[in-house]
C-alpha atoms as a PDB file:
ATOM      1  CA  UNK A   1      27.529  -3.512 -23.809  1.00  0.00           C
ATOM      2  CA  UNK A   2      25.640  -4.311 -27.172  1.00  0.00           C
ATOM      3  CA  UNK A   3      23.534  -7.397 -25.537  1.00  0.00           C
ATOM      4  CA  UNK A   4      22.544  -5.486 -22.348  1.00  0.00           C
ATOM      5  CA  UNK A   5      21.543  -2.454 -24.396  1.00  0.00           C
ATOM      6  CA  UNK A   6      19.614  -4.662 -27.021  1.00  0.00           C
ATOM      7  CA  UNK A   7      17.760  -6.611 -23.933  1.00  0.00           C
ATOM      8  CA  UNK A   8      17.025  -3.221 -22.523  1.00  0.00           C
ATOM      9  CA  UNK A   9      15.038  -1.993 -25.655  1.00  0.00           C
ATOM     10  CA  UNK A  10      13.765  -5.297 -26.314  1.00  0.00           C
ATOM     11  CA  UNK A  11      11.905  -5.094 -22.758  1.00  0.00           C
ATOM     12  CA  UNK A  12      10.832  -1.596 -22.980  1.00  0.00           C
ATOM     13  CA  UNK A  13       9.243  -2.096 -26.361  1.00  0.00           C
ATOM     14  CA  UNK A  14       7.792  -5.360 -26.045  1.00  0.00           C
ATOM     15  CA  UNK A  15       4.084  -4.558 -25.611  1.00  0.00           C
ATOM     16  CA  UNK A  16       2.659  -7.213 -23.693  1.00  0.00           C
ATOM     17  CA  UNK A  17       5.636  -7.110 -20.919  1.00  0.00           C
ATOM     18  CA  UNK A  18       4.614  -4.008 -19.243  1.00  0.00           C
ATOM     19  CA  UNK A  19       5.688  -5.116 -15.910  1.00  0.00           C
ATOM     20  CA  UNK A  20       9.355  -5.249 -17.078  1.00  0.00           C
ATOM     21  CA  UNK A  21       9.210  -2.237 -18.710  1.00  0.00           C
ATOM     22  CA  UNK A  22       8.042  -0.510 -15.752  1.00  0.00           C
ATOM     23  CA  UNK A  23      10.678  -1.944 -13.621  1.00  0.00           C
ATOM     24  CA  UNK A  24      13.362  -1.106 -16.154  1.00  0.00           C
ATOM     25  CA  UNK A  25      12.256   2.611 -16.535  1.00  0.00           C
ATOM     26  CA  UNK A  26      11.755   2.759 -12.945  1.00  0.00           C
ATOM     27  CA  UNK A  27      15.397   1.514 -12.454  1.00  0.00           C
ATOM     28  CA  UNK A  28      16.531   3.913 -14.625  1.00  0.00           C
ATOM     29  CA  UNK A  29      14.981   6.805 -13.048  1.00  0.00           C
ATOM     30  CA  UNK A  30      16.098   6.009  -9.835  1.00  0.00           C
ATOM     31  CA  UNK A  31      19.868   5.407 -10.967  1.00  0.00           C
ATOM     32  CA  UNK A  32      19.558   8.587 -12.947  1.00  0.00           C
ATOM     33  CA  UNK A  33      18.386  10.596 -10.059  1.00  0.00           C
ATOM     34  CA  UNK A  34      20.846   8.961  -7.598  1.00  0.00           C
ATOM     35  CA  UNK A  35      23.641  10.635  -9.880  1.00  0.00           C
ATOM     36  CA  UNK A  36      22.024  13.858 -10.040  1.00  0.00           C
ATOM     37  CA  UNK A  37      22.013  13.747  -6.082  1.00  0.00           C
ATOM     38  CA  UNK A  38      25.568  12.476  -6.243  1.00  0.00           C
ATOM     39  CA  UNK A  39      26.643  15.524  -8.531  1.00  0.00           C
ATOM     40  CA  UNK A  40      25.284  18.076  -6.268  1.00  0.00           C
ATOM     41  CA  UNK A  41      27.235  16.095  -3.372  1.00  0.00           C
ATOM     42  CA  UNK A  42      30.220  16.841  -5.614  1.00  0.00           C
ATOM     43  CA  UNK A  43      29.168  20.464  -5.951  1.00  0.00           C
ATOM     44  CA  UNK A  44      29.207  20.575  -2.072  1.00  0.00           C
ATOM     45  CA  UNK A  45      32.835  18.652  -2.012  1.00  0.00           C
ATOM     46  CA  UNK A  46      31.317  15.627   0.100  1.00  0.00           C
ATOM     47  CA  UNK A  47      33.183  12.404   0.764  1.00  0.00           C
ATOM     48  CA  UNK A  48      32.187   9.204  -1.006  1.00  0.00           C
ATOM     49  CA  UNK A  49      29.641   8.405   1.973  1.00  0.00           C
ATOM     50  CA  UNK A  50      28.057  11.729   1.304  1.00  0.00           C
ATOM     51  CA  UNK A  51      27.749  10.771  -2.292  1.00  0.00           C
ATOM     52  CA  UNK A  52      25.595   7.622  -1.546  1.00  0.00           C
ATOM     53  CA  UNK A  53      23.614   9.171   0.990  1.00  0.00           C
ATOM     54  CA  UNK A  54      22.286  12.198  -1.081  1.00  0.00           C
ATOM     55  CA  UNK A  55      22.329  10.072  -4.209  1.00  0.00           C
ATOM     56  CA  UNK A  56      20.237   7.233  -2.473  1.00  0.00           C
ATOM     57  CA  UNK A  57      17.938   9.945  -0.887  1.00  0.00           C
ATOM     58  CA  UNK A  58      17.533  11.556  -4.050  1.00  0.00           C
ATOM     59  CA  UNK A  59      16.672   8.303  -6.213  1.00  0.00           C
ATOM     60  CA  UNK A  60      14.044   6.890  -3.767  1.00  0.00           C
ATOM     61  CA  UNK A  61      12.587  10.023  -2.509  1.00  0.00           C
ATOM     62  CA  UNK A  62       9.700  10.394  -5.042  1.00  0.00           C
ATOM     63  CA  UNK A  63       8.734   6.961  -4.900  1.00  0.00           C
ATOM     64  CA  UNK A  64       8.691   6.885  -1.218  1.00  0.00           C
ATOM     65  CA  UNK A  65       6.388   9.666  -0.872  1.00  0.00           C
ATOM     66  CA  UNK A  66       4.061   8.003  -3.747  1.00  0.00           C
ATOM     67  CA  UNK A  67       3.860   4.581  -1.763  1.00  0.00           C
ATOM     68  CA  UNK A  68       3.295   6.416   1.677  1.00  0.00           C
ATOM     69  CA  UNK A  69       0.429   8.511   0.205  1.00  0.00           C
ATOM     70  CA  UNK A  70      -1.200   5.244  -1.576  1.00  0.00           C
ATOM     71  CA  UNK A  71      -0.638   3.181   1.632  1.00  0.00           C
ATOM     72  CA  UNK A  72       1.751   0.875  -0.431  1.00  0.00           C
ATOM     73  CA  UNK A  73       3.806  -0.235   2.662  1.00  0.00           C
ATOM     74  CA  UNK A  74       6.366  -1.344   3.271  1.00  0.00           C
ATOM     75  CA  UNK A  75       7.605   0.935   0.285  1.00  0.00           C
ATOM     76  CA  UNK A  76       9.392  -0.231  -2.865  1.00  0.00           C
ATOM     77  CA  UNK A  77      12.700  -0.147  -1.614  1.00  0.00           C
ATOM     78  CA  UNK A  78      12.098  -2.254   1.408  1.00  0.00           C
ATOM     79  CA  UNK A  79       9.974  -5.006  -0.509  1.00  0.00           C
ATOM     80  CA  UNK A  80      12.990  -5.214  -3.261  1.00  0.00           C
ATOM     81  CA  UNK A  81      16.367  -4.026  -1.967  1.00  0.00           C
ATOM     82  CA  UNK A  82      17.568  -3.727  -5.722  1.00  0.00           C
ATOM     83  CA  UNK A  83      16.609  -0.246  -5.859  1.00  0.00           C
ATOM     84  CA  UNK A  84      18.757   0.796  -2.747  1.00  0.00           C
ATOM     85  CA  UNK A  85      21.606  -1.383  -4.771  1.00  0.00           C
ATOM     86  CA  UNK A  86      21.130   0.846  -7.812  1.00  0.00           C
ATOM     87  CA  UNK A  87      21.398   4.205  -5.886  1.00  0.00           C
ATOM     88  CA  UNK A  88      24.589   3.105  -3.906  1.00  0.00           C
ATOM     89  CA  UNK A  89      26.141   1.856  -7.218  1.00  0.00           C
ATOM     90  CA  UNK A  90      25.375   4.823  -9.353  1.00  0.00           C
ATOM     91  CA  UNK A  91      26.190   6.947  -6.698  1.00  0.00           C
ATOM     92  CA  UNK A  92      29.791   5.454  -6.142  1.00  0.00           C
ATOM     93  CA  UNK A  93      30.577   5.490  -9.775  1.00  0.00           C
ATOM     94  CA  UNK A  94      29.824   8.922  -9.901  1.00  0.00           C
ATOM     95  CA  UNK A  95      32.398   9.936  -7.251  1.00  0.00           C
ATOM     96  CA  UNK A  96      35.056   8.468  -9.100  1.00  0.00           C
ATOM     97  CA  UNK A  97      33.814   9.751 -12.797  1.00  0.00           C
ATOM     98  CA  UNK A  98      32.908  13.472 -11.621  1.00  0.00           C
ATOM     99  CA  UNK A  99      36.420  15.002 -11.655  1.00  0.00           C
ATOM    100  CA  UNK A 100      36.307  14.175 -15.488  1.00  0.00           C
ATOM    101  CA  UNK A 101      33.378  16.243 -16.209  1.00  0.00           C
ATOM    102  CA  UNK A 102      33.697  19.556 -17.504  1.00  0.00           C
ATOM    103  CA  UNK A 103      30.817  21.233 -15.896  1.00  0.00           C
ATOM    104  CA  UNK A 104      28.990  19.698 -12.594  1.00  0.00           C
ATOM    105  CA  UNK A 105      26.012  22.350 -13.186  1.00  0.00           C
ATOM    106  CA  UNK A 106      25.376  21.276 -16.789  1.00  0.00           C
ATOM    107  CA  UNK A 107      25.540  17.635 -15.955  1.00  0.00           C
ATOM    108  CA  UNK A 108      23.192  17.850 -12.864  1.00  0.00           C
ATOM    109  CA  UNK A 109      20.560  19.608 -14.951  1.00  0.00           C
ATOM    110  CA  UNK A 110      20.527  16.921 -17.660  1.00  0.00           C
ATOM    111  CA  UNK A 111      20.427  14.023 -15.246  1.00  0.00           C
ATOM    112  CA  UNK A 112      17.632  15.772 -13.409  1.00  0.00           C
ATOM    113  CA  UNK A 113      15.636  16.274 -16.612  1.00  0.00           C
ATOM    114  CA  UNK A 114      16.154  12.568 -17.471  1.00  0.00           C
ATOM    115  CA  UNK A 115      14.814  11.268 -14.150  1.00  0.00           C
ATOM    116  CA  UNK A 116      12.001  14.021 -13.854  1.00  0.00           C
ATOM    117  CA  UNK A 117      10.585  12.511 -17.248  1.00  0.00           C
ATOM    118  CA  UNK A 118      11.206   9.019 -16.265  1.00  0.00           C
ATOM    119  CA  UNK A 119       9.471   9.115 -12.787  1.00  0.00           C
ATOM    120  CA  UNK A 120       6.731  11.383 -13.945  1.00  0.00           C
ATOM    121  CA  UNK A 121       5.590   8.283 -16.020  1.00  0.00           C
ATOM    122  CA  UNK A 122       6.457   5.527 -13.919  1.00  0.00           C
ATOM    123  CA  UNK A 123       4.745   7.286 -11.043  1.00  0.00           C
ATOM    124  CA  UNK A 124       1.432   7.381 -12.963  1.00  0.00           C
ATOM    125  CA  UNK A 125       1.611   4.032 -14.385  1.00  0.00           C
ATOM    126  CA  UNK A 126       2.456   2.544 -10.822  1.00  0.00           C
ATOM    127  CA  UNK A 127      -0.542   5.048  -9.294  1.00  0.00           C
ATOM    128  CA  UNK A 128      -3.009   3.655 -12.056  1.00  0.00           C
ATOM    129  CA  UNK A 129      -2.198   0.287 -11.165  1.00  0.00           C
ATOM    130  CA  UNK A 130      -2.892   0.442  -7.712  1.00  0.00           C
ATOM    131  CA  UNK A 131      -6.374   1.454  -8.628  1.00  0.00           C
ATOM    132  CA  UNK A 132      -6.427   5.304  -8.139  1.00  0.00           C
ATOM    133  CA  UNK A 133      -8.219   7.634 -10.547  1.00  0.00           C
ATOM    134  CA  UNK A 134      -6.449   9.546 -13.194  1.00  0.00           C
ATOM    135  CA  UNK A 135      -6.290  12.726 -11.560  1.00  0.00           C
ATOM    136  CA  UNK A 136      -4.755  11.172  -8.465  1.00  0.00           C
ATOM    137  CA  UNK A 137      -2.501   9.226 -10.911  1.00  0.00           C
ATOM    138  CA  UNK A 138      -1.261  12.476 -12.555  1.00  0.00           C
ATOM    139  CA  UNK A 139      -0.696  14.327  -9.017  1.00  0.00           C
ATOM    140  CA  UNK A 140       1.487  11.344  -8.027  1.00  0.00           C
ATOM    141  CA  UNK A 141       3.249  11.338 -11.158  1.00  0.00           C
ATOM    142  CA  UNK A 142       4.325  14.779 -10.602  1.00  0.00           C
ATOM    143  CA  UNK A 143       5.161  13.977  -7.048  1.00  0.00           C
ATOM    144  CA  UNK A 144       7.240  11.232  -7.888  1.00  0.00           C
ATOM    145  CA  UNK A 145       9.095  13.244 -10.308  1.00  0.00           C
ATOM    146  CA  UNK A 146       9.549  16.252  -8.452  1.00  0.00           C
ATOM    147  CA  UNK A 147      10.153  15.095  -4.840  1.00  0.00           C
ATOM    148  CA  UNK A 148      13.361  13.456  -4.882  1.00  0.00           C
ATOM    149  CA  UNK A 149      15.117  16.523  -6.136  1.00  0.00           C
ATOM    150  CA  UNK A 150      13.413  18.669  -3.481  1.00  0.00           C
ATOM    151  CA  UNK A 151      14.894  16.514  -0.967  1.00  0.00           C
ATOM    152  CA  UNK A 152      18.391  16.784  -2.725  1.00  0.00           C
ATOM    153  CA  UNK A 153      18.262  20.536  -2.923  1.00  0.00           C
ATOM    154  CA  UNK A 154      17.247  20.684   0.665  1.00  0.00           C
ATOM    155  CA  UNK A 155      19.951  18.503   2.416  1.00  0.00           C
ATOM    156  CA  UNK A 156      22.576  20.320   0.315  1.00  0.00           C
ATOM    157  CA  UNK A 157      21.188  23.626   1.228  1.00  0.00           C
ATOM    158  CA  UNK A 158      21.131  24.496  -2.442  1.00  0.00           C
ATOM    159  CA  UNK A 159      18.514  26.528  -4.530  1.00  0.00           C
ATOM    160  CA  UNK A 160      15.725  24.379  -5.399  1.00  0.00           C
ATOM    161  CA  UNK A 161      15.852  23.585  -9.004  1.00  0.00           C
ATOM    162  CA  UNK A 162      11.965  23.798  -9.195  1.00  0.00           C
ATOM    163  CA  UNK A 163      12.250  26.986  -8.256  1.00  0.00           C
ATOM    164  CA  UNK A 164      14.123  28.174 -11.649  1.00  0.00           C
ATOM    165  CA  UNK A 165      12.831  30.198 -14.061  1.00  0.00           C
ATOM    166  CA  UNK A 166      12.319  27.706 -16.883  1.00  0.00           C
ATOM    167  CA  UNK A 167       9.463  25.254 -17.196  1.00  0.00           C
ATOM    168  CA  UNK A 168      10.054  22.424 -14.722  1.00  0.00           C
ATOM    169  CA  UNK A 169       6.828  20.918 -12.789  1.00  0.00           C
ATOM    170  CA  UNK A 170       4.998  21.783 -16.004  1.00  0.00           C
ATOM    171  CA  UNK A 171       7.204  19.336 -18.021  1.00  0.00           C
ATOM    172  CA  UNK A 172       6.447  16.108 -15.463  1.00  0.00           C
ATOM    173  CA  UNK A 173       2.676  17.471 -15.950  1.00  0.00           C
ATOM    174  CA  UNK A 174       2.793  17.467 -19.466  1.00  0.00           C
ATOM    175  CA  UNK A 175       4.384  13.834 -19.601  1.00  0.00           C
ATOM    176  CA  UNK A 176       1.827  12.446 -16.743  1.00  0.00           C
ATOM    177  CA  UNK A 177      -1.006  13.925 -19.090  1.00  0.00           C
ATOM    178  CA  UNK A 178       0.399  12.441 -22.477  1.00  0.00           C
ATOM    179  CA  UNK A 179       0.730   9.044 -20.798  1.00  0.00           C
ATOM    180  CA  UNK A 180      -3.069   9.222 -19.576  1.00  0.00           C
ATOM    181  CA  UNK A 181      -3.911  10.202 -23.366  1.00  0.00           C
ATOM    182  CA  UNK A 182      -2.243   7.513 -24.899  1.00  0.00           C
ATOM    183  CA  UNK A 183      -3.349   4.947 -22.355  1.00  0.00           C
ATOM    184  CA  UNK A 184      -6.974   5.981 -23.217  1.00  0.00           C
ATOM    185  CA  UNK A 185      -6.276   5.225 -26.968  1.00  0.00           C
ATOM    186  CA  UNK A 186      -5.969   1.879 -26.119  1.00  0.00           C
ATOM    187  CA  UNK A 187      -2.178   1.669 -27.178  1.00  0.00           C
ATOM    188  CA  UNK A 188       0.219  -0.895 -25.466  1.00  0.00           C
ATOM    189  CA  UNK A 189       1.328   0.486 -22.246  1.00  0.00           C
ATOM    190  CA  UNK A 190       5.128   0.295 -23.103  1.00  0.00           C
ATOM    191  CA  UNK A 191       4.302   2.854 -25.855  1.00  0.00           C
ATOM    192  CA  UNK A 192       2.341   4.996 -23.490  1.00  0.00           C
ATOM    193  CA  UNK A 193       5.466   5.084 -21.266  1.00  0.00           C
ATOM    194  CA  UNK A 194       7.661   6.075 -23.814  1.00  0.00           C
ATOM    195  CA  UNK A 195       5.533   8.885 -25.326  1.00  0.00           C
ATOM    196  CA  UNK A 196       5.063  10.258 -22.047  1.00  0.00           C
ATOM    197  CA  UNK A 197       8.513  10.238 -21.396  1.00  0.00           C
ATOM    198  CA  UNK A 198       9.497  11.525 -24.779  1.00  0.00           C
ATOM    199  CA  UNK A 199       7.023  14.630 -24.087  1.00  0.00           C
ATOM    200  CA  UNK A 200       8.222  15.457 -20.614  1.00  0.00           C
ATOM    201  CA  UNK A 201      12.118  15.188 -21.439  1.00  0.00           C
ATOM    202  CA  UNK A 202      11.982  17.073 -24.850  1.00  0.00           C
ATOM    203  CA  UNK A 203       9.820  20.155 -22.850  1.00  0.00           C
ATOM    204  CA  UNK A 204      12.322  20.375 -20.134  1.00  0.00           C
ATOM    205  CA  UNK A 205      15.391  20.111 -22.742  1.00  0.00           C
ATOM    206  CA  UNK A 206      13.687  22.904 -24.759  1.00  0.00           C
ATOM    207  CA  UNK A 207      12.787  24.795 -21.476  1.00  0.00           C
ATOM    208  CA  UNK A 208      16.525  24.858 -20.406  1.00  0.00           C
ATOM    209  CA  UNK A 209      17.839  25.637 -24.010  1.00  0.00           C
ATOM    210  CA  UNK A 210      15.672  28.338 -24.806  1.00  0.00           C
ATOM    211  CA  UNK A 211      14.694  29.421 -21.409  1.00  0.00           C
ATOM    212  CA  UNK A 212      11.347  28.830 -21.659  1.00  0.00           C
ATOM    213  CA  UNK A 213       9.019  29.935 -18.894  1.00  0.00           C
ATOM    214  CA  UNK A 214       5.181  30.339 -17.787  1.00  0.00           C
ATOM    215  CA  UNK A 215       3.979  33.939 -17.312  1.00  0.00           C
ATOM    216  CA  UNK A 216       4.314  35.078 -13.898  1.00  0.00           C
ATOM    217  CA  UNK A 217       2.067  38.205 -12.764  1.00  0.00           C
ATOM    218  CA  UNK A 218       4.335  38.388  -9.595  1.00  0.00           C
ATOM    219  CA  UNK A 219       7.932  39.043 -11.044  1.00  0.00           C
END
């Protein structure tokens, strides 16, 4: 286990190998979101095929929407089936691990938070590389981060996670903007990814822990 983890850190922090960093963070995001989808399937008491279906839709949903809107077709998981494999494997493993979890709801929220933060920065990076403007990159970062969770909740007929009172979309937006700010400073792109991820994840974690929310005039 030590060697793969060391290789992961090496690839992410190498400033000149941005393609590897984006791919690794993207695969991690897909896997984590697939786990969140599988956890929701567990709450609905689905069988292993249900786990794999919901997990896969959750994992690839945001990236699929991004690619379709950008006109990048065929979409990423058709060009490189490894993304589907990651979703299926992560979902199947979750099926067997879930009975050992003390709280499905807490596990789902934390996996969703990690996936949200990862997809926010990866979606922004991919969109910039496609040649879009920073504004569009931020929009795509937020869409990539949120759409998989929306698809999961709709398919499972659950309350939409993004409708919770505490900050959700705001955290993805913050991560995407921080990524752009770091990028404008000329820092290595891998640092931009890590910085944006940390901001998005920490903000979401604090929002869940302390029930931080935006003012709402309609409550």
